[in-house]
Structure formats: structure tokens, C-alpha cells
């Protein structure tokens, strides 16, 4: 089963620092918020970033060329699929519809698939097994859930207060100290 994902973050590293793309489900599961980090090269990260934030004046890049070739052949990209992971290597496929209306799957790197998906404005899907294997918790969503629970608990506490809860009966002098 595939889960629809979207680009949450692109980190462009340099030198010894790896680049990274983080995908998140388009519909968060409150019980299990997950992000899918995929380590990629800095050139690929730049290509994805340029697809997410296109510069109309820029010359076409490799993924723009691939999009043009697909369209020129009467085909179109329907979606991209993150199909498998082995260790730190992810596998993907382009889900194309050719000029004759037939589905064609082409193996590719996830970074190339995502760079093309953002240019063609098509969905990216990840196999559920890939998420079970390689996803990490969305710590921001977990913090939000914890904060919301704390606020709900505090609200219930305040709602349960009565005027008697504010009476001081310890027998002490409640005058402020100087």
C-alpha cells in the first residue's frame, strides 16, 4: 500500500555534510506522525529545490529537459513511487502513461523522481513498508501533541476549580512579608 507524501524540507549540504530531503505524509496520522528522510547528493538537492521554487528566467536544467522529452513523446508522468529501501539506499519508479495510454514504470533514484515530480506537479507516494523501515517520528508533531494534551489537562483542571479551592485554612497569616 502506498502513502502520498510531500516535500517537507530540502537541506543542501556541502563538502562533508550530506544533503537531505524529508518527505511527510500529505495527511498526517495523529497516532503515528512520520517523516521520511532520504540522504541525497547536493546537486540533486539543488535540483529539487529549484523545482519547488522555480526561477522563470533560468535555463532549463536536466529534470526540466526530461519533463519536456516525456511531454514531447505524448506521454505524461502520473506519479512517482518510493518502492523500496535497502540499508541507506532507496529505490523509486516513475509511473508514466505513454502516448498509447499504457502504464510504463521506469526505475530511477528517488532524488530524480522527486525532482521530476515537483516540476510536473504530480504526487509522490511511498510504500508503507518503506515508511515502517526508514521513517522517523515527526518530532514537531509529537511536541505539538504533547503541548495540546498539557493545555487540555490544564483547562480541565481550571474548569474543575471551585471558589472553595481558593480559601486558605492553614491557620497562618497570609499577609505579605516585607
C-alpha atoms as a PDB file:
ATOM      1  CA  UNK A   1       0.000   0.000   0.000  1.00  0.00           C
ATOM      2  CA  UNK A   2       1.301   3.439  -0.912  1.00  0.00           C
ATOM      3  CA  UNK A   3       1.054   6.612   1.196  1.00  0.00           C
ATOM      4  CA  UNK A   4       1.022  10.021  -0.512  1.00  0.00           C
ATOM      5  CA  UNK A   5       3.971  12.151   0.550  1.00  0.00           C
ATOM      6  CA  UNK A   6       5.085  15.745   0.012  1.00  0.00           C
ATOM      7  CA  UNK A   7       8.384  17.577   0.298  1.00  0.00           C
ATOM      8  CA  UNK A   8       8.669  18.925   3.836  1.00  0.00           C
ATOM      9  CA  UNK A   9      12.311  20.035   3.815  1.00  0.00           C
ATOM     10  CA  UNK A  10      15.293  20.120   1.478  1.00  0.00           C
ATOM     11  CA  UNK A  11      18.677  20.536   3.153  1.00  0.00           C
ATOM     12  CA  UNK A  12      21.509  21.340   0.769  1.00  0.00           C
ATOM     13  CA  UNK A  13      24.794  20.252   2.297  1.00  0.00           C
ATOM     14  CA  UNK A  14      28.286  20.998   1.142  1.00  0.00           C
ATOM     15  CA  UNK A  15      31.660  19.318   1.469  1.00  0.00           C
ATOM     16  CA  UNK A  16      31.452  16.512   4.014  1.00  0.00           C
ATOM     17  CA  UNK A  17      27.885  17.452   5.030  1.00  0.00           C
ATOM     18  CA  UNK A  18      25.269  15.314   3.274  1.00  0.00           C
ATOM     19  CA  UNK A  19      22.205  16.784   1.651  1.00  0.00           C
ATOM     20  CA  UNK A  20      18.824  15.537   2.736  1.00  0.00           C
ATOM     21  CA  UNK A  21      15.233  15.611   1.614  1.00  0.00           C
ATOM     22  CA  UNK A  22      12.487  14.981   4.149  1.00  0.00           C
ATOM     23  CA  UNK A  23       9.106  13.783   2.920  1.00  0.00           C
ATOM     24  CA  UNK A  24       5.995  13.889   5.075  1.00  0.00           C
ATOM     25  CA  UNK A  25       2.589  12.296   4.529  1.00  0.00           C
ATOM     26  CA  UNK A  26       0.069  14.671   2.962  1.00  0.00           C
ATOM     27  CA  UNK A  27      -2.434  13.532   5.583  1.00  0.00           C
ATOM     28  CA  UNK A  28      -0.809  13.149   8.978  1.00  0.00           C
ATOM     29  CA  UNK A  29      -1.811  10.136  11.035  1.00  0.00           C
ATOM     30  CA  UNK A  30      -2.181  11.547  14.547  1.00  0.00           C
ATOM     31  CA  UNK A  31      -1.312   8.166  16.088  1.00  0.00           C
ATOM     32  CA  UNK A  32       1.905   7.845  14.110  1.00  0.00           C
ATOM     33  CA  UNK A  33       3.294  11.093  12.645  1.00  0.00           C
ATOM     34  CA  UNK A  34       6.171  10.076  10.372  1.00  0.00           C
ATOM     35  CA  UNK A  35       8.745  11.788   8.183  1.00  0.00           C
ATOM     36  CA  UNK A  36      10.853  10.010   5.589  1.00  0.00           C
ATOM     37  CA  UNK A  37      14.424  11.347   5.408  1.00  0.00           C
ATOM     38  CA  UNK A  38      16.382  10.415   2.287  1.00  0.00           C
ATOM     39  CA  UNK A  39      20.057  11.271   2.005  1.00  0.00           C
ATOM     40  CA  UNK A  40      20.868  12.634  -1.456  1.00  0.00           C
ATOM     41  CA  UNK A  41      23.680  14.477  -3.204  1.00  0.00           C
ATOM     42  CA  UNK A  42      23.958  18.252  -3.088  1.00  0.00           C
ATOM     43  CA  UNK A  43      23.379  18.548  -6.860  1.00  0.00           C
ATOM     44  CA  UNK A  44      20.159  16.526  -6.531  1.00  0.00           C
ATOM     45  CA  UNK A  45      19.054  18.597  -3.527  1.00  0.00           C
ATOM     46  CA  UNK A  46      19.603  21.757  -5.556  1.00  0.00           C
ATOM     47  CA  UNK A  47      17.574  20.294  -8.444  1.00  0.00           C
ATOM     48  CA  UNK A  48      14.657  19.518  -6.123  1.00  0.00           C
ATOM     49  CA  UNK A  49      14.871  22.942  -4.501  1.00  0.00           C
ATOM     50  CA  UNK A  50      14.841  24.602  -7.930  1.00  0.00           C
ATOM     51  CA  UNK A  51      11.736  22.578  -8.817  1.00  0.00           C
ATOM     52  CA  UNK A  52       9.975  23.608  -5.616  1.00  0.00           C
ATOM     53  CA  UNK A  53      10.984  27.270  -6.085  1.00  0.00           C
ATOM     54  CA  UNK A  54      11.363  27.711  -9.856  1.00  0.00           C
ATOM     55  CA  UNK A  55      13.243  30.653 -11.348  1.00  0.00           C
ATOM     56  CA  UNK A  56      11.408  31.606 -14.541  1.00  0.00           C
ATOM     57  CA  UNK A  57      14.484  33.266 -16.028  1.00  0.00           C
ATOM     58  CA  UNK A  58      16.792  30.275 -15.526  1.00  0.00           C
ATOM     59  CA  UNK A  59      17.822  27.990 -18.365  1.00  0.00           C
ATOM     60  CA  UNK A  60      16.274  24.507 -18.315  1.00  0.00           C
ATOM     61  CA  UNK A  61      18.059  22.004 -16.111  1.00  0.00           C
ATOM     62  CA  UNK A  62      18.292  18.234 -16.655  1.00  0.00           C
ATOM     63  CA  UNK A  63      14.944  17.471 -14.996  1.00  0.00           C
ATOM     64  CA  UNK A  64      13.258  20.246 -16.999  1.00  0.00           C
ATOM     65  CA  UNK A  65      14.667  18.600 -20.133  1.00  0.00           C
ATOM     66  CA  UNK A  66      13.360  15.186 -19.066  1.00  0.00           C
ATOM     67  CA  UNK A  67       9.906  16.676 -18.466  1.00  0.00           C
ATOM     68  CA  UNK A  68       9.963  18.228 -21.959  1.00  0.00           C
ATOM     69  CA  UNK A  69      11.046  14.941 -23.565  1.00  0.00           C
ATOM     70  CA  UNK A  70       8.273  12.988 -21.825  1.00  0.00           C
ATOM     71  CA  UNK A  71       5.665  15.532 -22.938  1.00  0.00           C
ATOM     72  CA  UNK A  72       7.091  15.760 -26.490  1.00  0.00           C
ATOM     73  CA  UNK A  73       6.638  12.000 -26.859  1.00  0.00           C
ATOM     74  CA  UNK A  74       2.947  12.333 -25.972  1.00  0.00           C
ATOM     75  CA  UNK A  75       3.402  10.768 -22.565  1.00  0.00           C
ATOM     76  CA  UNK A  76       2.860  12.154 -19.103  1.00  0.00           C
ATOM     77  CA  UNK A  77       4.108  11.457 -15.619  1.00  0.00           C
ATOM     78  CA  UNK A  78       1.240  10.256 -13.418  1.00  0.00           C
ATOM     79  CA  UNK A  79       3.178   9.902 -10.135  1.00  0.00           C
ATOM     80  CA  UNK A  80       6.464   8.835  -8.612  1.00  0.00           C
ATOM     81  CA  UNK A  81       6.821   5.904  -6.254  1.00  0.00           C
ATOM     82  CA  UNK A  82       9.357   5.285  -3.493  1.00  0.00           C
ATOM     83  CA  UNK A  83       9.219   1.494  -3.685  1.00  0.00           C
ATOM     84  CA  UNK A  84      11.950   0.026  -1.515  1.00  0.00           C
ATOM     85  CA  UNK A  85      14.856   0.662   0.817  1.00  0.00           C
ATOM     86  CA  UNK A  86      17.902  -1.482   1.488  1.00  0.00           C
ATOM     87  CA  UNK A  87      20.230  -0.128   4.147  1.00  0.00           C
ATOM     88  CA  UNK A  88      20.543   3.549   3.249  1.00  0.00           C
ATOM     89  CA  UNK A  89      19.722   3.050  -0.451  1.00  0.00           C
ATOM     90  CA  UNK A  90      16.213   3.963  -1.575  1.00  0.00           C
ATOM     91  CA  UNK A  91      14.592   2.821  -4.822  1.00  0.00           C
ATOM     92  CA  UNK A  92      11.985   4.640  -6.877  1.00  0.00           C
ATOM     93  CA  UNK A  93       9.979   4.411 -10.079  1.00  0.00           C
ATOM     94  CA  UNK A  94       8.439   6.894 -12.465  1.00  0.00           C
ATOM     95  CA  UNK A  95       4.803   5.975 -13.133  1.00  0.00           C
ATOM     96  CA  UNK A  96       4.281   7.122 -16.737  1.00  0.00           C
ATOM     97  CA  UNK A  97       1.365   6.910 -19.150  1.00  0.00           C
ATOM     98  CA  UNK A  98       2.698   6.617 -22.695  1.00  0.00           C
ATOM     99  CA  UNK A  99       1.160   8.030 -25.885  1.00  0.00           C
ATOM    100  CA  UNK A 100      -0.826   4.798 -26.348  1.00  0.00           C
ATOM    101  CA  UNK A 101      -2.391   5.134 -22.886  1.00  0.00           C
ATOM    102  CA  UNK A 102      -0.388   2.297 -21.344  1.00  0.00           C
ATOM    103  CA  UNK A 103       1.280   2.455 -17.965  1.00  0.00           C
ATOM    104  CA  UNK A 104       5.072   2.304 -18.005  1.00  0.00           C
ATOM    105  CA  UNK A 105       7.260   2.085 -14.903  1.00  0.00           C
ATOM    106  CA  UNK A 106      10.859   3.290 -15.087  1.00  0.00           C
ATOM    107  CA  UNK A 107      13.372   2.622 -12.295  1.00  0.00           C
ATOM    108  CA  UNK A 108      15.209   5.690 -11.039  1.00  0.00           C
ATOM    109  CA  UNK A 109      16.754   7.299  -7.989  1.00  0.00           C
ATOM    110  CA  UNK A 110      14.298   8.894  -5.543  1.00  0.00           C
ATOM    111  CA  UNK A 111      16.043  12.249  -5.900  1.00  0.00           C
ATOM    112  CA  UNK A 112      15.481  12.246  -9.681  1.00  0.00           C
ATOM    113  CA  UNK A 113      11.895  11.067  -9.250  1.00  0.00           C
ATOM    114  CA  UNK A 114      11.104  13.820  -6.738  1.00  0.00           C
ATOM    115  CA  UNK A 115      12.872  16.495  -8.808  1.00  0.00           C
ATOM    116  CA  UNK A 116      10.672  15.491 -11.756  1.00  0.00           C
ATOM    117  CA  UNK A 117       7.512  15.209  -9.623  1.00  0.00           C
ATOM    118  CA  UNK A 118       7.796  18.779  -8.327  1.00  0.00           C
ATOM    119  CA  UNK A 119       8.274  20.056 -11.900  1.00  0.00           C
ATOM    120  CA  UNK A 120       5.310  18.059 -13.257  1.00  0.00           C
ATOM    121  CA  UNK A 121       3.137  18.788 -10.213  1.00  0.00           C
ATOM    122  CA  UNK A 122       2.335  15.111  -9.646  1.00  0.00           C
ATOM    123  CA  UNK A 123       2.087  13.202  -6.359  1.00  0.00           C
ATOM    124  CA  UNK A 124       4.876  11.254  -4.717  1.00  0.00           C
ATOM    125  CA  UNK A 125       3.971   8.006  -2.980  1.00  0.00           C
ATOM    126  CA  UNK A 126       5.997   5.864  -0.572  1.00  0.00           C
ATOM    127  CA  UNK A 127       5.377   2.192   0.010  1.00  0.00           C
ATOM    128  CA  UNK A 128       4.130   1.637   3.579  1.00  0.00           C
ATOM    129  CA  UNK A 129       6.903  -0.939   4.124  1.00  0.00           C
ATOM    130  CA  UNK A 130       9.475   1.765   3.304  1.00  0.00           C
ATOM    131  CA  UNK A 131       7.928   4.018   5.949  1.00  0.00           C
ATOM    132  CA  UNK A 132       7.943   1.202   8.502  1.00  0.00           C
ATOM    133  CA  UNK A 133      11.626   0.591   7.768  1.00  0.00           C
ATOM    134  CA  UNK A 134      13.093   4.071   7.310  1.00  0.00           C
ATOM    135  CA  UNK A 135      10.712   6.727   8.636  1.00  0.00           C
ATOM    136  CA  UNK A 136      11.439   8.762  11.727  1.00  0.00           C
ATOM    137  CA  UNK A 137       8.914  10.373  14.040  1.00  0.00           C
ATOM    138  CA  UNK A 138       7.836  13.914  13.243  1.00  0.00           C
ATOM    139  CA  UNK A 139       9.201  15.380  16.467  1.00  0.00           C
ATOM    140  CA  UNK A 140       7.484  18.717  15.831  1.00  0.00           C
ATOM    141  CA  UNK A 141       4.105  16.990  15.589  1.00  0.00           C
ATOM    142  CA  UNK A 142       4.849  14.974  18.730  1.00  0.00           C
ATOM    143  CA  UNK A 143       5.730  18.176  20.618  1.00  0.00           C
ATOM    144  CA  UNK A 144       2.507  19.780  19.351  1.00  0.00           C
ATOM    145  CA  UNK A 145       0.501  16.763  20.540  1.00  0.00           C
ATOM    146  CA  UNK A 146       2.153  16.896  23.978  1.00  0.00           C
ATOM    147  CA  UNK A 147       1.558  20.651  24.234  1.00  0.00           C
ATOM    148  CA  UNK A 148      -2.101  20.239  23.239  1.00  0.00           C
ATOM    149  CA  UNK A 149      -2.538  17.470  25.831  1.00  0.00           C
ATOM    150  CA  UNK A 150      -0.935  19.641  28.536  1.00  0.00           C
ATOM    151  CA  UNK A 151      -3.228  22.544  27.622  1.00  0.00           C
ATOM    152  CA  UNK A 152      -6.270  20.258  27.690  1.00  0.00           C
ATOM    153  CA  UNK A 153      -5.251  18.875  31.107  1.00  0.00           C
ATOM    154  CA  UNK A 154      -4.715  22.416  32.457  1.00  0.00           C
ATOM    155  CA  UNK A 155      -8.059  23.581  31.021  1.00  0.00           C
ATOM    156  CA  UNK A 156      -9.843  20.643  32.691  1.00  0.00           C
ATOM    157  CA  UNK A 157      -8.079  21.462  35.977  1.00  0.00           C
ATOM    158  CA  UNK A 158      -9.134  25.135  35.807  1.00  0.00           C
ATOM    159  CA  UNK A 159     -12.698  24.206  34.838  1.00  0.00           C
ATOM    160  CA  UNK A 160     -12.862  21.931  37.881  1.00  0.00           C
ATOM    161  CA  UNK A 161     -11.836  24.654  40.362  1.00  0.00           C
ATOM    162  CA  UNK A 162     -14.414  25.993  42.807  1.00  0.00           C
ATOM    163  CA  UNK A 163     -14.297  29.126  44.995  1.00  0.00           C
ATOM    164  CA  UNK A 164     -13.618  26.875  47.990  1.00  0.00           C
ATOM    165  CA  UNK A 165     -10.347  25.818  46.357  1.00  0.00           C
ATOM    166  CA  UNK A 166      -9.082  29.371  46.977  1.00  0.00           C
ATOM    167  CA  UNK A 167      -9.896  29.515  50.707  1.00  0.00           C
ATOM    168  CA  UNK A 168      -6.819  29.446  52.919  1.00  0.00           C
ATOM    169  CA  UNK A 169      -7.399  27.398  56.041  1.00  0.00           C
ATOM    170  CA  UNK A 170      -3.870  26.635  57.148  1.00  0.00           C
ATOM    171  CA  UNK A 171      -4.224  28.995  60.115  1.00  0.00           C
ATOM    172  CA  UNK A 172      -1.230  31.024  59.049  1.00  0.00           C
ATOM    173  CA  UNK A 173      -1.003  34.727  58.492  1.00  0.00           C
ATOM    174  CA  UNK A 174      -1.438  35.389  54.772  1.00  0.00           C
ATOM    175  CA  UNK A 175      -0.067  38.922  54.984  1.00  0.00           C
ATOM    176  CA  UNK A 176       2.723  39.593  52.502  1.00  0.00           C
ATOM    177  CA  UNK A 177       6.197  39.576  54.042  1.00  0.00           C
ATOM    178  CA  UNK A 178       8.356  42.721  53.933  1.00  0.00           C
END
